[in-house]
Amino acid sequence: MDCKGTHPSHVRPEAILVMREVGIDISGHRSKSVEEFAAQHFDYVITVCDNAKESCPVFPATTKRIHWSLNDPAAVEGSEEQRLAEFRRVRDDLRARLRLFAQERD
């Protein structure tokens, strides 16, 4: 399984659709390589794919690495509704985790 940050490709139409459902337009976005951010400083790096956790580049010692093991919704096979349901589940899981992450840092 390729994770977008380590092997960028395209933004999945299912992701665009389920994000639009919550008022977020990502239709103009593109998948980016972590290499594009190599010269930037980050306080935190959060990986969400087990493969990315293992192949993520090395960041400075001051960068805190966090891993949230999430299923890749693009890997789900089945009907369109089954695939969209998994994209929604992962979207909602990420939203909840990010809210908690932000609250813990306030």
Protein backbone atom coordinates (compact mmCIF):
# COMPACT_ATOMS: atom_id res chain seq x y z
CA MET A 1 0.00 0.00 0.00
CA ASP A 2 1.41 3.38 -1.00
CA CYS A 3 0.78 6.31 1.30
CA LYS A 4 0.35 9.66 -0.34
CA GLY A 5 3.07 11.52 1.51
CA THR A 6 5.72 8.97 0.66
CA HIS A 7 4.45 8.18 -2.84
CA PRO A 8 2.29 11.08 -4.05
CA SER A 9 -0.24 10.48 -6.76
CA HIS A 10 -3.64 12.19 -7.02
CA VAL A 11 -6.44 13.24 -4.69
CA ARG A 12 -9.11 10.58 -4.79
CA PRO A 13 -12.56 11.66 -6.05
CA GLU A 14 -14.09 9.97 -2.99
CA ALA A 15 -12.00 12.20 -0.71
CA ILE A 16 -13.12 15.30 -2.61
CA LEU A 17 -16.76 14.24 -2.28
CA VAL A 18 -16.74 13.39 1.43
CA MET A 19 -14.82 16.55 2.33
CA ARG A 20 -17.31 18.63 0.31
CA GLU A 21 -20.05 17.06 2.47
CA VAL A 22 -18.55 18.85 5.51
CA GLY A 23 -18.02 22.13 3.68
CA ILE A 24 -14.36 21.70 2.73
CA ASP A 25 -13.36 22.02 -0.93
CA ILE A 26 -10.18 20.07 -1.70
CA SER A 27 -10.88 19.77 -5.43
CA GLY A 28 -7.95 22.05 -6.26
CA HIS A 29 -5.52 20.21 -4.00
CA ARG A 30 -2.82 17.81 -5.07
CA SER A 31 -0.96 14.99 -3.40
CA LYS A 32 2.44 16.20 -2.20
CA SER A 33 5.67 14.47 -1.35
CA VAL A 34 7.16 14.95 2.10
CA GLU A 35 10.31 15.98 0.23
CA GLU A 36 8.60 19.29 -0.64
CA PHE A 37 8.70 20.17 3.06
CA ALA A 38 12.23 18.97 3.85
CA ALA A 39 13.61 22.45 4.58
CA GLN A 40 10.76 23.44 6.91
CA HIS A 41 10.67 23.07 10.69
CA PHE A 42 7.79 21.14 12.26
CA ASP A 43 6.89 20.78 15.91
CA TYR A 44 4.91 17.62 15.12
CA VAL A 45 4.74 15.10 12.30
CA ILE A 46 1.65 12.92 12.33
CA THR A 47 1.65 9.82 10.14
CA VAL A 48 -1.63 8.02 9.48
CA CYS A 49 -0.49 5.10 7.38
CA ASP A 50 1.59 2.24 8.77
CA ASN A 51 3.77 2.25 5.64
CA ALA A 52 4.40 6.00 6.01
CA LYS A 53 5.42 5.48 9.62
CA GLU A 54 8.17 3.13 8.48
CA SER A 55 9.29 5.08 5.41
CA CYS A 56 8.87 8.62 6.73
CA PRO A 57 12.05 10.64 6.38
CA VAL A 58 14.08 11.53 9.42
CA PHE A 59 13.13 14.81 11.05
CA PRO A 60 15.20 16.81 13.55
CA ALA A 61 15.25 15.53 17.13
CA THR A 62 13.02 18.43 18.21
CA THR A 63 10.18 17.22 15.97
CA LYS A 64 7.68 15.05 17.85
CA ARG A 65 6.47 12.11 15.78
CA ILE A 66 2.97 10.80 16.35
CA HIS A 67 1.41 7.84 14.57
CA TRP A 68 -2.30 7.22 14.15
CA SER A 69 -2.83 3.86 12.48
CA LEU A 70 -5.76 4.35 10.11
CA ASN A 71 -7.02 2.08 7.37
CA ASP A 72 -6.42 3.39 3.88
CA PRO A 73 -9.92 4.09 2.55
CA ALA A 74 -8.61 3.89 -1.02
CA ALA A 75 -7.84 0.21 -0.43
CA VAL A 76 -11.49 -0.67 0.27
CA GLU A 77 -13.13 -2.74 -2.41
CA GLY A 78 -16.84 -2.95 -2.94
CA SER A 79 -19.66 -0.75 -4.11
CA GLU A 80 -19.32 3.00 -4.42
CA GLU A 81 -21.39 3.41 -1.26
CA GLN A 82 -19.12 1.02 0.67
CA ARG A 83 -16.04 2.95 -0.46
CA LEU A 84 -17.62 6.30 0.39
CA ALA A 85 -18.63 4.97 3.81
CA GLU A 86 -14.99 4.13 4.55
CA PHE A 87 -13.81 7.55 3.36
CA ARG A 88 -16.43 9.13 5.66
CA ARG A 89 -15.36 6.96 8.59
CA VAL A 90 -11.70 7.90 8.16
CA ARG A 91 -12.60 11.58 7.66
CA ASP A 92 -14.60 11.60 10.88
CA ASP A 93 -11.92 9.69 12.77
CA LEU A 94 -9.25 12.16 11.66
CA ARG A 95 -11.45 15.13 12.57
CA ALA A 96 -12.01 13.76 16.09
CA ARG A 97 -8.32 13.00 16.58
CA LEU A 98 -7.26 16.44 15.32
CA ARG A 99 -9.75 18.19 17.61
CA LEU A 100 -8.44 16.26 20.59
CA PHE A 101 -4.85 16.93 19.54
CA ALA A 102 -5.56 20.68 19.33
CA GLN A 103 -7.40 20.72 22.67
CA GLU A 104 -4.51 18.98 24.40
CA ARG A 105 -2.15 21.72 23.22
CA ASP A 106 -4.29 24.70 24.33
